[in-house]
């Protein structure tokens, strides 16, 4: 089975087996809210696992050995198995195999569940350590929403409104790696005004966000509220130079600092899962409409 479309009250979502990726999200009027993987960026909502961002030299180091690991990990390019499927929910699973061991020398089970409620989509990531040593891992969501959501509005009509004041400095990247010096936040109180220039220096990274939810909207048209649990960081990204999408990305993990070249288990932001243990992280997308 290549894909399923789930239906709920005022919402529908399509998920494909490749990467367990959400590829469509429509509201009650049938309007598509998710970026449709055009030439500017060929993905919709990839799952970032077992790393978020880049590792220095694209190498994962474990017990002194190096393993090749490209940006954001391999899960987004692997075909998941369908574990459960119903009219409004489904679960897909990826487990270790000979191919993953080339890049990531650990046993794991990654289950991703999608469930629709009234005008909302719940996504659950569950990572299980099926091996006999500590499992170091990071995971992140990367949904790309159309920007603008209402085609006739300018991009600058949109803003992000956080649940709490976001006063902490942000982090930036250079060549995909985390720069050492925090920068002043572009968030004013709870509000981040959106413009293409915001992404001239790549993603805006809140490595210690005060909020666990944010609303993406203009004065009229569709509005999206994202909330999350279990994630420590938040990335906000659009392609530098301009592209018609905005990514709102809850993460547990960050790109390697430019000066970090140690063991993956010691990398800042990695979760450490004991043998037999599980970690569960969730995010929710709620769709509404401004008058």
Protein backbone atom coordinates (compact mmCIF):
# COMPACT_ATOMS: atom_id res chain seq x y z
CA UNK A 1 0.00 0.00 0.00
CA UNK A 2 1.53 3.28 -1.11
CA UNK A 3 -0.72 5.79 0.67
CA UNK A 4 -3.83 6.27 2.77
CA UNK A 5 -6.15 9.24 3.13
CA UNK A 6 -7.69 9.71 6.55
CA UNK A 7 -10.96 11.57 7.01
CA UNK A 8 -12.19 13.44 10.06
CA UNK A 9 -14.65 16.17 10.94
CA UNK A 10 -13.46 19.21 8.99
CA UNK A 11 -10.10 17.72 8.02
CA UNK A 12 -8.45 15.12 5.79
CA UNK A 13 -4.84 13.93 5.68
CA UNK A 14 -2.90 11.76 3.25
CA UNK A 15 0.16 9.76 4.40
CA UNK A 16 2.54 7.75 2.23
CA UNK A 17 4.63 4.73 3.17
CA UNK A 18 7.84 6.32 1.90
CA UNK A 19 9.21 8.11 4.93
CA UNK A 20 5.83 7.80 6.72
CA UNK A 21 5.34 11.30 5.33
CA UNK A 22 2.28 13.49 5.57
CA UNK A 23 1.73 14.73 2.00
CA UNK A 24 -1.66 16.44 2.16
CA UNK A 25 -3.68 18.27 4.78
CA UNK A 26 -7.03 19.75 3.77
CA UNK A 27 -9.58 21.75 5.73
CA UNK A 28 -13.38 21.49 5.68
CA UNK A 29 -13.52 23.52 2.45
CA UNK A 30 -11.05 21.19 0.75
CA UNK A 31 -8.29 23.83 0.74
CA UNK A 32 -4.78 22.33 0.71
CA UNK A 33 -2.71 23.69 3.58
CA UNK A 34 0.45 21.61 3.08
CA UNK A 35 3.20 22.51 0.62
CA UNK A 36 2.96 20.21 -2.40
CA UNK A 37 6.67 19.51 -2.90
CA UNK A 38 7.34 21.83 -5.83
CA UNK A 39 10.72 22.56 -7.42
CA UNK A 40 11.81 24.85 -4.55
CA UNK A 41 11.81 21.87 -2.14
CA UNK A 42 10.82 18.31 -3.00
CA UNK A 43 9.36 17.32 0.36
CA UNK A 44 6.13 17.92 2.28
CA UNK A 45 6.64 16.95 5.93
CA UNK A 46 9.67 14.70 6.37
CA UNK A 47 10.44 12.86 9.60
CA UNK A 48 13.91 13.71 10.92
CA UNK A 49 15.50 10.61 12.50
CA UNK A 50 17.91 9.56 13.97
CA UNK A 51 19.45 13.04 13.75
CA UNK A 52 18.14 16.57 13.40
CA UNK A 53 20.23 18.83 11.18
CA UNK A 54 23.77 17.92 10.21
CA UNK A 55 26.64 16.16 11.90
CA UNK A 56 30.14 17.52 11.42
CA UNK A 57 31.58 15.96 8.28
CA UNK A 58 28.30 14.04 7.86
CA UNK A 59 29.78 11.38 10.14
CA UNK A 60 28.27 9.75 13.23
CA UNK A 61 30.92 8.66 15.70
CA UNK A 62 30.30 5.71 18.01
CA UNK A 63 33.00 4.03 20.05
CA UNK A 64 35.66 5.64 17.92
CA UNK A 65 34.23 4.47 14.59
CA UNK A 66 32.65 6.75 11.99
CA UNK A 67 29.39 6.01 10.20
CA UNK A 68 28.14 8.07 7.22
CA UNK A 69 25.00 10.02 8.11
CA UNK A 70 23.52 12.68 5.88
CA UNK A 71 21.50 15.69 7.03
CA UNK A 72 18.35 14.87 9.01
CA UNK A 73 19.03 11.12 8.91
CA UNK A 74 17.66 8.27 6.85
CA UNK A 75 14.07 7.76 8.04
CA UNK A 76 12.65 10.23 5.52
CA UNK A 77 14.06 8.12 2.67
CA UNK A 78 13.04 4.68 3.96
CA UNK A 79 9.81 2.83 3.31
CA UNK A 80 7.88 2.23 6.53
CA UNK A 81 5.65 -0.79 7.11
CA UNK A 82 1.94 -0.21 7.66
CA UNK A 83 1.12 -1.51 11.13
CA UNK A 84 -2.43 -0.23 11.59
CA UNK A 85 -4.97 1.54 9.43
CA UNK A 86 -8.50 2.80 10.06
CA UNK A 87 -10.76 5.47 8.56
CA UNK A 88 -9.27 8.25 10.73
CA UNK A 89 -5.95 6.86 12.00
CA UNK A 90 -2.91 4.86 10.95
CA UNK A 91 0.46 3.72 12.29
CA UNK A 92 3.66 3.08 10.33
CA UNK A 93 6.81 1.40 11.63
CA UNK A 94 10.51 1.41 10.76
CA UNK A 95 12.98 -0.97 12.38
CA UNK A 96 16.72 -1.48 12.10
CA UNK A 97 18.10 -3.66 9.32
CA UNK A 98 21.38 -4.29 7.53
CA UNK A 99 21.07 -1.00 5.66
CA UNK A 100 20.43 1.15 8.72
CA UNK A 101 23.36 -0.45 10.58
CA UNK A 102 25.71 0.94 7.93
CA UNK A 103 24.77 4.43 9.10
CA UNK A 104 23.51 3.92 12.64
CA UNK A 105 24.88 0.99 14.65
CA UNK A 106 21.88 0.63 16.96
CA UNK A 107 18.74 -1.48 17.24
CA UNK A 108 15.51 0.53 17.27
CA UNK A 109 11.84 0.61 16.45
CA UNK A 110 10.27 3.87 15.28
CA UNK A 111 6.47 3.98 15.17
CA UNK A 112 4.66 7.01 13.75
CA UNK A 113 0.92 7.37 14.28
CA UNK A 114 -1.48 9.82 12.66
CA UNK A 115 -4.94 10.37 14.12
CA UNK A 116 -7.67 12.83 13.12
CA UNK A 117 -10.08 14.53 15.51
CA UNK A 118 -12.43 17.44 14.85
CA UNK A 119 -10.37 19.83 12.68
CA UNK A 120 -7.14 18.49 14.17
CA UNK A 121 -4.34 16.06 13.38
CA UNK A 122 -2.36 14.35 16.13
CA UNK A 123 1.03 12.87 15.28
CA UNK A 124 2.89 10.57 17.68
CA UNK A 125 6.51 9.46 17.42
CA UNK A 126 7.43 6.44 19.58
CA UNK A 127 11.06 5.34 19.69
CA UNK A 128 11.84 1.99 21.32
CA UNK A 129 15.32 0.79 22.17
CA UNK A 130 15.21 -2.86 21.08
CA UNK A 131 18.95 -3.35 21.64
CA UNK A 132 21.14 -4.04 24.66
CA UNK A 133 23.00 -0.71 24.86
CA UNK A 134 21.86 2.87 25.36
CA UNK A 135 20.22 4.27 22.22
CA UNK A 136 21.27 7.85 21.40
CA UNK A 137 18.79 9.49 19.04
CA UNK A 138 17.22 12.71 17.92
CA UNK A 139 13.90 13.18 16.16
CA UNK A 140 12.06 16.07 14.61
CA UNK A 141 8.96 17.03 12.67
CA UNK A 142 9.29 19.18 9.53
CA UNK A 143 5.82 20.06 8.18
CA UNK A 144 5.83 22.67 5.43
CA UNK A 145 2.70 24.79 5.16
CA UNK A 146 1.72 26.89 2.20
CA UNK A 147 2.88 30.48 2.62
CA UNK A 148 0.62 32.30 2.04
CA UNK A 149 -2.25 30.02 3.10
CA UNK A 150 -4.67 32.25 1.19
CA UNK A 151 -3.16 32.75 -2.29
CA UNK A 152 -4.31 36.35 -2.72
CA UNK A 153 -2.62 37.55 0.48
CA UNK A 154 1.03 38.69 0.58
CA UNK A 155 3.50 36.67 2.64
CA UNK A 156 4.02 39.66 4.93
CA UNK A 157 0.38 39.43 6.03
CA UNK A 158 1.30 36.35 8.08
CA UNK A 159 2.77 36.07 11.53
CA UNK A 160 3.54 33.46 14.16
CA UNK A 161 1.98 34.08 17.56
CA UNK A 162 3.51 32.09 20.42
CA UNK A 163 1.67 31.07 23.57
CA UNK A 164 4.26 32.84 25.75
CA UNK A 165 6.74 35.68 25.36
CA UNK A 166 9.86 34.45 23.56
CA UNK A 167 12.69 36.58 24.91
CA UNK A 168 15.58 34.10 24.75
CA UNK A 169 18.23 34.49 22.03
CA UNK A 170 17.95 32.32 18.93
CA UNK A 171 20.56 30.14 17.24
CA UNK A 172 21.69 30.16 13.63
CA UNK A 173 23.50 27.78 11.30
CA UNK A 174 26.51 27.98 9.04
CA UNK A 175 26.90 25.20 6.45
CA UNK A 176 24.28 23.29 8.42
CA UNK A 177 26.18 23.39 11.74
CA UNK A 178 25.26 25.35 14.85
CA UNK A 179 27.09 28.63 15.31
CA UNK A 180 28.47 29.15 18.83
CA UNK A 181 27.10 32.64 19.48
CA UNK A 182 23.37 33.12 20.17
CA UNK A 183 21.69 36.03 18.38
CA UNK A 184 18.95 38.43 19.48
CA UNK A 185 15.51 37.01 18.86
CA UNK A 186 13.40 38.48 16.05
CA UNK A 187 10.30 37.62 18.10
CA UNK A 188 8.71 40.71 19.61
CA UNK A 189 6.87 39.59 22.72
CA UNK A 190 4.78 36.71 21.43
CA UNK A 191 4.80 37.77 17.77
CA UNK A 192 7.15 36.89 14.94
CA UNK A 193 6.44 38.91 11.81
CA UNK A 194 7.13 36.76 8.76
CA UNK A 195 9.11 37.88 5.74
CA UNK A 196 11.44 36.21 3.27
CA UNK A 197 14.41 38.16 4.65
CA UNK A 198 13.98 36.39 7.99
CA UNK A 199 15.52 33.29 6.39
CA UNK A 200 18.49 34.89 4.63
CA UNK A 201 20.69 33.15 7.22
CA UNK A 202 18.79 29.86 7.08
CA UNK A 203 16.53 28.58 9.88
CA UNK A 204 15.49 30.51 12.96
CA UNK A 205 16.16 28.12 15.86
CA UNK A 206 14.61 28.48 19.30
CA UNK A 207 16.80 26.15 21.32
CA UNK A 208 14.95 26.91 24.56
CA UNK A 209 11.44 28.03 23.63
CA UNK A 210 9.17 29.22 26.42
CA UNK A 211 6.10 28.13 24.46
CA UNK A 212 4.77 24.71 23.53
CA UNK A 213 2.38 26.06 20.90
CA UNK A 214 2.33 28.62 18.12
CA UNK A 215 -0.33 29.99 15.78
CA UNK A 216 0.33 30.68 12.09
CA UNK A 217 -2.23 33.02 10.53
CA UNK A 218 -3.08 36.27 8.79
CA UNK A 219 -6.03 38.53 9.58
CA UNK A 220 -8.28 36.33 7.45
CA UNK A 221 -8.35 32.91 5.87
CA UNK A 222 -7.11 29.55 7.21
CA UNK A 223 -5.18 29.48 10.48
CA UNK A 224 -2.96 26.73 11.88
CA UNK A 225 -2.06 26.16 15.49
CA UNK A 226 0.74 23.73 16.27
CA UNK A 227 1.36 22.41 19.76
CA UNK A 228 3.89 19.82 20.93
CA UNK A 229 4.98 17.67 23.86
CA UNK A 230 8.36 16.04 24.44
CA UNK A 231 10.24 18.27 22.02
CA UNK A 232 12.89 20.66 23.37
CA UNK A 233 13.61 22.90 20.39
CA UNK A 234 11.72 24.60 17.58
CA UNK A 235 12.96 25.34 14.10
CA UNK A 236 11.28 27.81 11.73
CA UNK A 237 12.44 27.66 8.14
CA UNK A 238 11.81 28.64 4.59
CA UNK A 239 14.25 28.37 1.75
CA UNK A 240 16.67 31.31 1.70
CA UNK A 241 15.91 33.50 -1.29
CA UNK A 242 12.20 32.87 -1.07
CA UNK A 243 9.84 29.92 -1.51
CA UNK A 244 6.07 29.58 -1.03
CA UNK A 245 6.20 27.49 2.15
CA UNK A 246 6.88 27.88 5.86
CA UNK A 247 8.14 25.03 8.03
CA UNK A 248 7.29 24.89 11.74
CA UNK A 249 9.46 22.16 13.23
CA UNK A 250 9.34 20.76 16.78
CA UNK A 251 12.66 19.01 17.44
CA UNK A 252 14.32 16.89 20.08
CA UNK A 253 17.89 17.51 18.99
CA UNK A 254 19.85 20.07 17.01
CA UNK A 255 22.60 20.22 14.42
CA UNK A 256 26.12 19.63 15.70
CA UNK A 257 27.88 22.71 17.01
CA UNK A 258 30.59 23.77 14.57
CA UNK A 259 33.26 22.76 17.08
CA UNK A 260 31.75 19.41 18.17
CA UNK A 261 33.48 16.31 16.87
CA UNK A 262 32.82 13.80 19.64
CA UNK A 263 30.80 10.66 20.22
CA UNK A 264 27.20 10.83 19.04
CA UNK A 265 25.99 9.87 22.53
CA UNK A 266 27.68 13.03 23.86
CA UNK A 267 26.23 15.34 21.22
CA UNK A 268 24.18 18.24 22.61
CA UNK A 269 20.46 17.60 22.29
CA UNK A 270 20.54 13.81 21.86
CA UNK A 271 18.13 11.74 23.92
CA UNK A 272 19.56 8.63 25.58
CA UNK A 273 17.11 5.73 25.72
CA UNK A 274 17.90 2.77 27.97
CA UNK A 275 17.57 -0.80 26.63
CA UNK A 276 13.93 -1.82 26.51
CA UNK A 277 12.71 1.73 27.16
CA UNK A 278 10.55 3.97 24.95
CA UNK A 279 10.30 7.70 24.28
CA UNK A 280 7.02 9.19 23.10
CA UNK A 281 6.74 12.64 21.53
CA UNK A 282 3.63 14.22 20.04
CA UNK A 283 2.51 17.23 18.09
CA UNK A 284 -0.91 18.50 17.09
CA UNK A 285 -2.11 20.62 14.20
CA UNK A 286 -5.44 22.39 14.69
CA UNK A 287 -7.11 24.05 11.70
CA UNK A 288 -9.40 27.04 12.05
CA UNK A 289 -10.36 30.06 9.99
CA UNK A 290 -10.05 33.74 10.68
CA UNK A 291 -13.16 35.76 9.72
